[in-house]
């Protein structure tokens, strides 16, 4: 298992997902402020920086879990299996 590759993939995937969530209201979808929700867990006024750190950390953790599953022989690192794992995660 390539842990550095999993961390980089987790950060990249989380950043892309965050960009899509920021554009969601422009596409007629509801506002999805995951960063704001995470940042307000520890401070009622919210803490955007903490929210971003937690959001990116969660993305890295999920990427490491996916990489560990693939290393254990459950699925493989293909785009089809990535879609399946993502759908199960969702």
PDB file of N, CA and C in Angstrom:
ATOM      1  N   UNK A   1       0.855  -1.181   0.000  1.00  0.00           N
ATOM      2  CA  UNK A   1       0.000   0.000   0.000  1.00  0.00           C
ATOM      3  C   UNK A   1       0.896   1.237   0.000  1.00  0.00           C
ATOM      4  N   UNK A   2       0.613   2.159  -0.894  1.00  0.00           N
ATOM      5  CA  UNK A   2       1.360   3.407  -0.998  1.00  0.00           C
ATOM      6  C   UNK A   2       0.651   4.469  -0.167  1.00  0.00           C
ATOM      7  N   UNK A   3       1.107   4.681   1.061  1.00  0.00           N
ATOM      8  CA  UNK A   3       0.427   5.599   1.978  1.00  0.00           C
ATOM      9  C   UNK A   3       0.507   7.042   1.492  1.00  0.00           C
ATOM     10  N   UNK A   4       1.659   7.442   0.927  1.00  0.00           N
ATOM     11  CA  UNK A   4       1.803   8.812   0.427  1.00  0.00           C
ATOM     12  C   UNK A   4       0.850   9.037  -0.748  1.00  0.00           C
ATOM     13  N   UNK A   5       0.756   8.050  -1.627  1.00  0.00           N
ATOM     14  CA  UNK A   5      -0.176   8.150  -2.747  1.00  0.00           C
ATOM     15  C   UNK A   5      -1.617   8.258  -2.274  1.00  0.00           C
ATOM     16  N   UNK A   6      -1.964   7.510  -1.230  1.00  0.00           N
ATOM     17  CA  UNK A   6      -3.319   7.574  -0.679  1.00  0.00           C
ATOM     18  C   UNK A   6      -3.596   8.942  -0.075  1.00  0.00           C
ATOM     19  N   UNK A   7      -2.612   9.508   0.609  1.00  0.00           N
ATOM     20  CA  UNK A   7      -2.795  10.836   1.215  1.00  0.00           C
ATOM     21  C   UNK A   7      -2.984  11.891   0.131  1.00  0.00           C
ATOM     22  N   UNK A   8      -2.148  11.846  -0.901  1.00  0.00           N
ATOM     23  CA  UNK A   8      -2.259  12.817  -1.994  1.00  0.00           C
ATOM     24  C   UNK A   8      -3.598  12.662  -2.712  1.00  0.00           C
ATOM     25  N   UNK A   9      -4.005  11.416  -2.974  1.00  0.00           N
ATOM     26  CA  UNK A   9      -5.289  11.171  -3.638  1.00  0.00           C
ATOM     27  C   UNK A   9      -6.447  11.638  -2.767  1.00  0.00           C
ATOM     28  N   UNK A  10      -6.351  11.408  -1.461  1.00  0.00           N
ATOM     29  CA  UNK A  10      -7.407  11.862  -0.555  1.00  0.00           C
ATOM     30  C   UNK A  10      -7.525  13.373  -0.537  1.00  0.00           C
ATOM     31  N   UNK A  11      -6.396  14.076  -0.503  1.00  0.00           N
ATOM     32  CA  UNK A  11      -6.430  15.544  -0.532  1.00  0.00           C
ATOM     33  C   UNK A  11      -6.991  16.048  -1.855  1.00  0.00           C
ATOM     34  N   UNK A  12      -6.519  15.468  -2.966  1.00  0.00           N
ATOM     35  CA  UNK A  12      -6.998  15.904  -4.281  1.00  0.00           C
ATOM     36  C   UNK A  12      -8.498  15.650  -4.435  1.00  0.00           C
ATOM     37  N   UNK A  13      -8.942  14.468  -4.049  1.00  0.00           N
ATOM     38  CA  UNK A  13     -10.366  14.142  -4.154  1.00  0.00           C
ATOM     39  C   UNK A  13     -11.227  15.033  -3.282  1.00  0.00           C
ATOM     40  N   UNK A  14     -10.754  15.331  -2.084  1.00  0.00           N
ATOM     41  CA  UNK A  14     -11.513  16.188  -1.173  1.00  0.00           C
ATOM     42  C   UNK A  14     -11.598  17.613  -1.710  1.00  0.00           C
ATOM     43  N   UNK A  15     -10.513  18.103  -2.285  1.00  0.00           N
ATOM     44  CA  UNK A  15     -10.523  19.460  -2.848  1.00  0.00           C
ATOM     45  C   UNK A  15     -11.485  19.543  -4.032  1.00  0.00           C
ATOM     46  N   UNK A  16     -11.454  18.539  -4.914  1.00  0.00           N
ATOM     47  CA  UNK A  16     -12.373  18.540  -6.060  1.00  0.00           C
ATOM     48  C   UNK A  16     -13.821  18.443  -5.584  1.00  0.00           C
ATOM     49  N   UNK A  17     -14.089  17.562  -4.619  1.00  0.00           N
ATOM     50  CA  UNK A  17     -15.443  17.426  -4.087  1.00  0.00           C
ATOM     51  C   UNK A  17     -15.901  18.738  -3.446  1.00  0.00           C
ATOM     52  N   UNK A  18     -14.996  19.418  -2.757  1.00  0.00           N
ATOM     53  CA  UNK A  18     -15.331  20.696  -2.125  1.00  0.00           C
ATOM     54  C   UNK A  18     -15.678  21.752  -3.165  1.00  0.00           C
ATOM     55  N   UNK A  19     -14.949  21.758  -4.276  1.00  0.00           N
ATOM     56  CA  UNK A  19     -15.246  22.716  -5.343  1.00  0.00           C
ATOM     57  C   UNK A  19     -16.631  22.460  -5.933  1.00  0.00           C
ATOM     58  N   UNK A  20     -16.974  21.189  -6.106  1.00  0.00           N
ATOM     59  CA  UNK A  20     -18.307  20.852  -6.627  1.00  0.00           C
ATOM     60  C   UNK A  20     -19.384  21.283  -5.628  1.00  0.00           C
ATOM     61  N   UNK A  21     -19.130  21.060  -4.323  1.00  0.00           N
ATOM     62  CA  UNK A  21     -20.108  21.462  -3.304  1.00  0.00           C
ATOM     63  C   UNK A  21     -20.284  22.981  -3.275  1.00  0.00           C
ATOM     64  N   UNK A  22     -19.217  23.727  -3.536  1.00  0.00           N
ATOM     65  CA  UNK A  22     -19.325  25.188  -3.557  1.00  0.00           C
ATOM     66  C   UNK A  22     -20.123  25.665  -4.767  1.00  0.00           C
ATOM     67  N   UNK A  23     -20.064  24.911  -5.863  1.00  0.00           N
ATOM     68  CA  UNK A  23     -20.800  25.278  -7.078  1.00  0.00           C
ATOM     69  C   UNK A  23     -22.229  24.753  -7.078  1.00  0.00           C
ATOM     70  N   UNK A  24     -22.578  23.883  -6.141  1.00  0.00           N
ATOM     71  CA  UNK A  24     -23.890  23.233  -6.128  1.00  0.00           C
ATOM     72  C   UNK A  24     -25.053  24.225  -6.180  1.00  0.00           C
ATOM     73  N   UNK A  25     -25.049  25.312  -5.398  1.00  0.00           N
ATOM     74  CA  UNK A  25     -26.187  26.237  -5.476  1.00  0.00           C
ATOM     75  C   UNK A  25     -26.352  26.866  -6.862  1.00  0.00           C
ATOM     76  N   UNK A  26     -25.261  27.026  -7.596  1.00  0.00           N
ATOM     77  CA  UNK A  26     -25.341  27.585  -8.954  1.00  0.00           C
ATOM     78  C   UNK A  26     -25.974  26.601  -9.931  1.00  0.00           C
ATOM     79  N   UNK A  27     -25.995  25.313  -9.551  1.00  0.00           N
ATOM     80  CA  UNK A  27     -26.568  24.281 -10.411  1.00  0.00           C
ATOM     81  C   UNK A  27     -27.965  23.887  -9.953  1.00  0.00           C
ATOM     82  N   UNK A  28     -28.539  24.674  -9.033  1.00  0.00           N
ATOM     83  CA  UNK A  28     -29.889  24.401  -8.566  1.00  0.00           C
ATOM     84  C   UNK A  28     -29.972  23.404  -7.430  1.00  0.00           C
ATOM     85  N   UNK A  29     -28.824  23.044  -6.875  1.00  0.00           N
ATOM     86  CA  UNK A  29     -28.809  22.102  -5.759  1.00  0.00           C
ATOM     87  C   UNK A  29     -28.749  22.883  -4.451  1.00  0.00           C
ATOM     88  N   UNK A  30     -29.112  22.252  -3.341  1.00  0.00           N
ATOM     89  CA  UNK A  30     -29.042  22.967  -2.059  1.00  0.00           C
ATOM     90  C   UNK A  30     -27.598  23.246  -1.647  1.00  0.00           C
ATOM     91  N   UNK A  31     -27.426  24.263  -0.809  1.00  0.00           N
ATOM     92  CA  UNK A  31     -26.099  24.605  -0.304  1.00  0.00           C
ATOM     93  C   UNK A  31     -25.612  23.490   0.613  1.00  0.00           C
ATOM     94  N   UNK A  32     -24.380  23.055   0.392  1.00  0.00           N
ATOM     95  CA  UNK A  32     -23.795  21.983   1.189  1.00  0.00           C
ATOM     96  C   UNK A  32     -22.535  22.529   1.854  1.00  0.00           C
ATOM     97  N   UNK A  33     -22.664  23.058   3.055  1.00  0.00           N
ATOM     98  CA  UNK A  33     -21.545  23.680   3.749  1.00  0.00           C
ATOM     99  C   UNK A  33     -20.978  22.719   4.787  1.00  0.00           C
ATOM    100  N   UNK A  34     -20.289  21.689   4.306  1.00  0.00           N
ATOM    101  CA  UNK A  34     -19.685  20.704   5.202  1.00  0.00           C
ATOM    102  C   UNK A  34     -18.616  21.363   6.067  1.00  0.00           C
ATOM    103  N   UNK A  35     -17.814  22.231   5.464  1.00  0.00           N
ATOM    104  CA  UNK A  35     -16.745  22.913   6.200  1.00  0.00           C
ATOM    105  C   UNK A  35     -17.336  23.750   7.337  1.00  0.00           C
ATOM    106  N   UNK A  36     -18.414  24.464   7.050  1.00  0.00           N
ATOM    107  CA  UNK A  36     -19.066  25.272   8.081  1.00  0.00           C
ATOM    108  C   UNK A  36     -19.634  24.422   9.201  1.00  0.00           C
ATOM    109  N   UNK A  37     -20.235  23.284   8.827  1.00  0.00           N
ATOM    110  CA  UNK A  37     -20.783  22.395   9.855  1.00  0.00           C
ATOM    111  C   UNK A  37     -19.682  21.837  10.747  1.00  0.00           C
ATOM    112  N   UNK A  38     -18.599  21.383  10.125  1.00  0.00           N
ATOM    113  CA  UNK A  38     -17.499  20.835  10.913  1.00  0.00           C
ATOM    114  C   UNK A  38     -16.857  21.911  11.783  1.00  0.00           C
ATOM    115  N   UNK A  39     -16.723  23.114  11.249  1.00  0.00           N
ATOM    116  CA  UNK A  39     -16.118  24.206  12.010  1.00  0.00           C
ATOM    117  C   UNK A  39     -16.959  24.677  13.169  1.00  0.00           C
ATOM    118  N   UNK A  40     -18.256  24.474  13.090  1.00  0.00           N
ATOM    119  CA  UNK A  40     -19.135  24.921  14.170  1.00  0.00           C
ATOM    120  C   UNK A  40     -19.355  23.859  15.244  1.00  0.00           C
ATOM    121  N   UNK A  41     -18.724  22.707  15.097  1.00  0.00           N
ATOM    122  CA  UNK A  41     -18.893  21.649  16.094  1.00  0.00           C
ATOM    123  C   UNK A  41     -18.261  22.012  17.437  1.00  0.00           C
ATOM    124  N   UNK A  42     -17.210  22.824  17.416  1.00  0.00           N
ATOM    125  CA  UNK A  42     -16.485  23.129  18.635  1.00  0.00           C
ATOM    126  C   UNK A  42     -16.584  24.589  19.052  1.00  0.00           C
ATOM    127  N   UNK A  43     -17.251  25.394  18.232  1.00  0.00           N
ATOM    128  CA  UNK A  43     -17.371  26.820  18.514  1.00  0.00           C
ATOM    129  C   UNK A  43     -18.689  27.280  17.909  1.00  0.00           C
ATOM    130  N   UNK A  44     -19.584  27.838  18.708  1.00  0.00           N
ATOM    131  CA  UNK A  44     -20.912  28.181  18.178  1.00  0.00           C
ATOM    132  C   UNK A  44     -20.845  29.260  17.097  1.00  0.00           C
ATOM    133  N   UNK A  45     -19.780  30.070  17.085  1.00  0.00           N
ATOM    134  CA  UNK A  45     -19.613  31.073  16.043  1.00  0.00           C
ATOM    135  C   UNK A  45     -18.981  30.491  14.784  1.00  0.00           C
ATOM    136  N   UNK A  46     -18.468  29.304  14.877  1.00  0.00           N
ATOM    137  CA  UNK A  46     -17.845  28.640  13.737  1.00  0.00           C
ATOM    138  C   UNK A  46     -16.362  28.959  13.645  1.00  0.00           C
ATOM    139  N   UNK A  47     -15.629  28.059  13.033  1.00  0.00           N
ATOM    140  CA  UNK A  47     -14.206  28.228  12.818  1.00  0.00           C
ATOM    141  C   UNK A  47     -13.895  27.598  11.469  1.00  0.00           C
ATOM    142  N   UNK A  48     -13.793  28.426  10.441  1.00  0.00           N
ATOM    143  CA  UNK A  48     -13.621  27.928   9.085  1.00  0.00           C
ATOM    144  C   UNK A  48     -12.312  27.165   8.923  1.00  0.00           C
ATOM    145  N   UNK A  49     -11.252  27.658   9.527  1.00  0.00           N
ATOM    146  CA  UNK A  49      -9.966  26.973   9.414  1.00  0.00           C
ATOM    147  C   UNK A  49     -10.010  25.568   9.981  1.00  0.00           C
ATOM    148  N   UNK A  50     -10.597  25.431  11.158  1.00  0.00           N
ATOM    149  CA  UNK A  50     -10.750  24.112  11.771  1.00  0.00           C
ATOM    150  C   UNK A  50     -11.652  23.228  10.914  1.00  0.00           C
ATOM    151  N   UNK A  51     -12.692  23.816  10.352  1.00  0.00           N
ATOM    152  CA  UNK A  51     -13.586  23.057   9.476  1.00  0.00           C
ATOM    153  C   UNK A  51     -12.861  22.496   8.268  1.00  0.00           C
ATOM    154  N   UNK A  52     -11.986  23.313   7.646  1.00  0.00           N
ATOM    155  CA  UNK A  52     -11.212  22.846   6.495  1.00  0.00           C
ATOM    156  C   UNK A  52     -10.248  21.733   6.895  1.00  0.00           C
ATOM    157  N   UNK A  53      -9.577  21.903   8.037  1.00  0.00           N
ATOM    158  CA  UNK A  53      -8.633  20.874   8.498  1.00  0.00           C
ATOM    159  C   UNK A  53      -9.373  19.559   8.719  1.00  0.00           C
ATOM    160  N   UNK A  54     -10.515  19.609   9.377  1.00  0.00           N
ATOM    161  CA  UNK A  54     -11.279  18.390   9.648  1.00  0.00           C
ATOM    162  C   UNK A  54     -11.793  17.765   8.352  1.00  0.00           C
ATOM    163  N   UNK A  55     -12.261  18.605   7.424  1.00  0.00           N
ATOM    164  CA  UNK A  55     -12.789  18.117   6.151  1.00  0.00           C
ATOM    165  C   UNK A  55     -11.688  17.417   5.353  1.00  0.00           C
ATOM    166  N   UNK A  56     -10.517  18.041   5.245  1.00  0.00           N
ATOM    167  CA  UNK A  56      -9.412  17.436   4.509  1.00  0.00           C
ATOM    168  C   UNK A  56      -8.909  16.176   5.205  1.00  0.00           C
ATOM    169  N   UNK A  57      -8.881  16.194   6.531  1.00  0.00           N
ATOM    170  CA  UNK A  57      -8.448  15.023   7.290  1.00  0.00           C
ATOM    171  C   UNK A  57      -9.396  13.845   7.037  1.00  0.00           C
ATOM    172  N   UNK A  58     -10.691  14.099   7.019  1.00  0.00           N
ATOM    173  CA  UNK A  58     -11.658  13.031   6.729  1.00  0.00           C
ATOM    174  C   UNK A  58     -11.429  12.454   5.340  1.00  0.00           C
ATOM    175  N   UNK A  59     -11.168  13.314   4.359  1.00  0.00           N
ATOM    176  CA  UNK A  59     -10.891  12.833   3.005  1.00  0.00           C
ATOM    177  C   UNK A  59      -9.668  11.940   2.955  1.00  0.00           C
ATOM    178  N   UNK A  60      -8.623  12.310   3.676  1.00  0.00           N
ATOM    179  CA  UNK A  60      -7.406  11.499   3.719  1.00  0.00           C
ATOM    180  C   UNK A  60      -7.682  10.166   4.414  1.00  0.00           C
ATOM    181  N   UNK A  61      -8.434  10.194   5.494  1.00  0.00           N
ATOM    182  CA  UNK A  61      -8.743   8.950   6.216  1.00  0.00           C
ATOM    183  C   UNK A  61      -9.514   7.990   5.318  1.00  0.00           C
ATOM    184  N   UNK A  62     -10.509   8.491   4.590  1.00  0.00           N
ATOM    185  CA  UNK A  62     -11.265   7.611   3.698  1.00  0.00           C
ATOM    186  C   UNK A  62     -10.372   7.067   2.582  1.00  0.00           C
ATOM    187  N   UNK A  63      -9.463   7.887   2.052  1.00  0.00           N
ATOM    188  CA  UNK A  63      -8.560   7.412   1.002  1.00  0.00           C
ATOM    189  C   UNK A  63      -7.642   6.313   1.525  1.00  0.00           C
ATOM    190  N   UNK A  64      -7.167   6.451   2.756  1.00  0.00           N
ATOM    191  CA  UNK A  64      -6.308   5.424   3.350  1.00  0.00           C
ATOM    192  C   UNK A  64      -7.102   4.130   3.561  1.00  0.00           C
ATOM    193  N   UNK A  65      -8.347   4.259   3.977  1.00  0.00           N
ATOM    194  CA  UNK A  65      -9.194   3.064   4.143  1.00  0.00           C
ATOM    195  C   UNK A  65      -9.389   2.372   2.801  1.00  0.00           C
ATOM    196  N   UNK A  66      -9.684   3.156   1.743  1.00  0.00           N
ATOM    197  CA  UNK A  66      -9.856   2.557   0.421  1.00  0.00           C
ATOM    198  C   UNK A  66      -8.570   1.875  -0.028  1.00  0.00           C
ATOM    199  N   UNK A  67      -7.418   2.521   0.168  1.00  0.00           N
ATOM    200  CA  UNK A  67      -6.142   1.932  -0.242  1.00  0.00           C
ATOM    201  C   UNK A  67      -5.863   0.649   0.541  1.00  0.00           C
ATOM    202  N   UNK A  68      -6.188   0.640   1.823  1.00  0.00           N
ATOM    203  CA  UNK A  68      -5.981  -0.565   2.639  1.00  0.00           C
ATOM    204  C   UNK A  68      -6.889  -1.698   2.159  1.00  0.00           C
ATOM    205  N   UNK A  69      -8.125  -1.378   1.816  1.00  0.00           N
ATOM    206  CA  UNK A  69      -9.028  -2.409   1.296  1.00  0.00           C
ATOM    207  C   UNK A  69      -8.499  -2.980  -0.012  1.00  0.00           C
ATOM    208  N   UNK A  70      -8.036  -2.096  -0.901  1.00  0.00           N
ATOM    209  CA  UNK A  70      -7.490  -2.563  -2.178  1.00  0.00           C
ATOM    210  C   UNK A  70      -6.228  -3.385  -1.957  1.00  0.00           C
ATOM    211  N   UNK A  71      -5.377  -2.980  -1.005  1.00  0.00           N
ATOM    212  CA  UNK A  71      -4.157  -3.736  -0.713  1.00  0.00           C
ATOM    213  C   UNK A  71      -4.489  -5.116  -0.136  1.00  0.00           C
ATOM    214  N   UNK A  72      -5.623  -5.222   0.557  1.00  0.00           N
ATOM    215  CA  UNK A  72      -6.055  -6.503   1.131  1.00  0.00           C
ATOM    216  C   UNK A  72      -6.753  -7.387   0.096  1.00  0.00           C
ATOM    217  N   UNK A  73      -6.894  -6.892  -1.135  1.00  0.00           N
ATOM    218  CA  UNK A  73      -7.501  -7.694  -2.193  1.00  0.00           C
ATOM    219  C   UNK A  73      -8.987  -7.478  -2.365  1.00  0.00           C
ATOM    220  N   UNK A  74      -9.543  -6.504  -1.668  1.00  0.00           N
ATOM    221  CA  UNK A  74     -10.970  -6.194  -1.811  1.00  0.00           C
ATOM    222  C   UNK A  74     -11.085  -5.076  -2.840  1.00  0.00           C
ATOM    223  N   UNK A  75     -11.444  -5.432  -4.046  1.00  0.00           N
ATOM    224  CA  UNK A  75     -11.516  -4.455  -5.121  1.00  0.00           C
ATOM    225  C   UNK A  75     -10.132  -4.149  -5.657  1.00  0.00           C
ATOM    226  N   UNK A  76     -10.052  -3.168  -6.544  1.00  0.00           N
ATOM    227  CA  UNK A  76      -8.772  -2.724  -7.089  1.00  0.00           C
ATOM    228  C   UNK A  76      -8.893  -1.243  -7.419  1.00  0.00           C
ATOM    229  N   UNK A  77      -7.759  -0.626  -7.661  1.00  0.00           N
ATOM    230  CA  UNK A  77      -7.734   0.822  -7.892  1.00  0.00           C
ATOM    231  C   UNK A  77      -8.063   1.134  -9.349  1.00  0.00           C
ATOM    232  N   UNK A  78      -9.275   0.834  -9.760  1.00  0.00           N
ATOM    233  CA  UNK A  78      -9.758   1.199 -11.098  1.00  0.00           C
ATOM    234  C   UNK A  78     -10.882   2.217 -10.929  1.00  0.00           C
ATOM    235  N   UNK A  79     -11.218   2.896 -12.001  1.00  0.00           N
ATOM    236  CA  UNK A  79     -12.262   3.911 -11.880  1.00  0.00           C
ATOM    237  C   UNK A  79     -13.615   3.281 -11.591  1.00  0.00           C
ATOM    238  N   UNK A  80     -13.874   2.072 -12.081  1.00  0.00           N
ATOM    239  CA  UNK A  80     -15.151   1.408 -11.813  1.00  0.00           C
ATOM    240  C   UNK A  80     -15.255   1.063 -10.324  1.00  0.00           C
ATOM    241  N   UNK A  81     -14.202   0.482  -9.781  1.00  0.00           N
ATOM    242  CA  UNK A  81     -14.221   0.139  -8.355  1.00  0.00           C
ATOM    243  C   UNK A  81     -14.239   1.409  -7.496  1.00  0.00           C
ATOM    244  N   UNK A  82     -13.592   2.465  -7.975  1.00  0.00           N
ATOM    245  CA  UNK A  82     -13.665   3.746  -7.256  1.00  0.00           C
ATOM    246  C   UNK A  82     -15.081   4.258  -7.193  1.00  0.00           C
ATOM    247  N   UNK A  83     -15.822   4.127  -8.300  1.00  0.00           N
ATOM    248  CA  UNK A  83     -17.231   4.534  -8.303  1.00  0.00           C
ATOM    249  C   UNK A  83     -18.059   3.681  -7.345  1.00  0.00           C
ATOM    250  N   UNK A  84     -17.792   2.386  -7.335  1.00  0.00           N
ATOM    251  CA  UNK A  84     -18.537   1.482  -6.447  1.00  0.00           C
ATOM    252  C   UNK A  84     -18.230   1.826  -4.983  1.00  0.00           C
ATOM    253  N   UNK A  85     -16.944   1.974  -4.642  1.00  0.00           N
ATOM    254  CA  UNK A  85     -16.581   2.315  -3.268  1.00  0.00           C
ATOM    255  C   UNK A  85     -17.171   3.663  -2.881  1.00  0.00           C
ATOM    256  N   UNK A  86     -17.132   4.632  -3.798  1.00  0.00           N
ATOM    257  CA  UNK A  86     -17.709   5.952  -3.522  1.00  0.00           C
ATOM    258  C   UNK A  86     -19.214   5.891  -3.301  1.00  0.00           C
ATOM    259  N   UNK A  87     -19.903   5.073  -4.104  1.00  0.00           N
ATOM    260  CA  UNK A  87     -21.356   4.935  -3.946  1.00  0.00           C
ATOM    261  C   UNK A  87     -21.696   4.280  -2.609  1.00  0.00           C
ATOM    262  N   UNK A  88     -20.899   3.264  -2.227  1.00  0.00           N
ATOM    263  CA  UNK A  88     -21.128   2.612  -0.937  1.00  0.00           C
ATOM    264  C   UNK A  88     -20.873   3.608   0.189  1.00  0.00           C
ATOM    265  N   UNK A  89     -19.807   4.382   0.070  1.00  0.00           N
ATOM    266  CA  UNK A  89     -19.482   5.386   1.084  1.00  0.00           C
ATOM    267  C   UNK A  89     -20.591   6.434   1.192  1.00  0.00           C
ATOM    268  N   UNK A  90     -21.135   6.850   0.040  1.00  0.00           N
ATOM    269  CA  UNK A  90     -22.175   7.868   0.009  1.00  0.00           C
ATOM    270  C   UNK A  90     -23.412   7.351   0.689  1.00  0.00           C
TER     271      UNK A  90
END
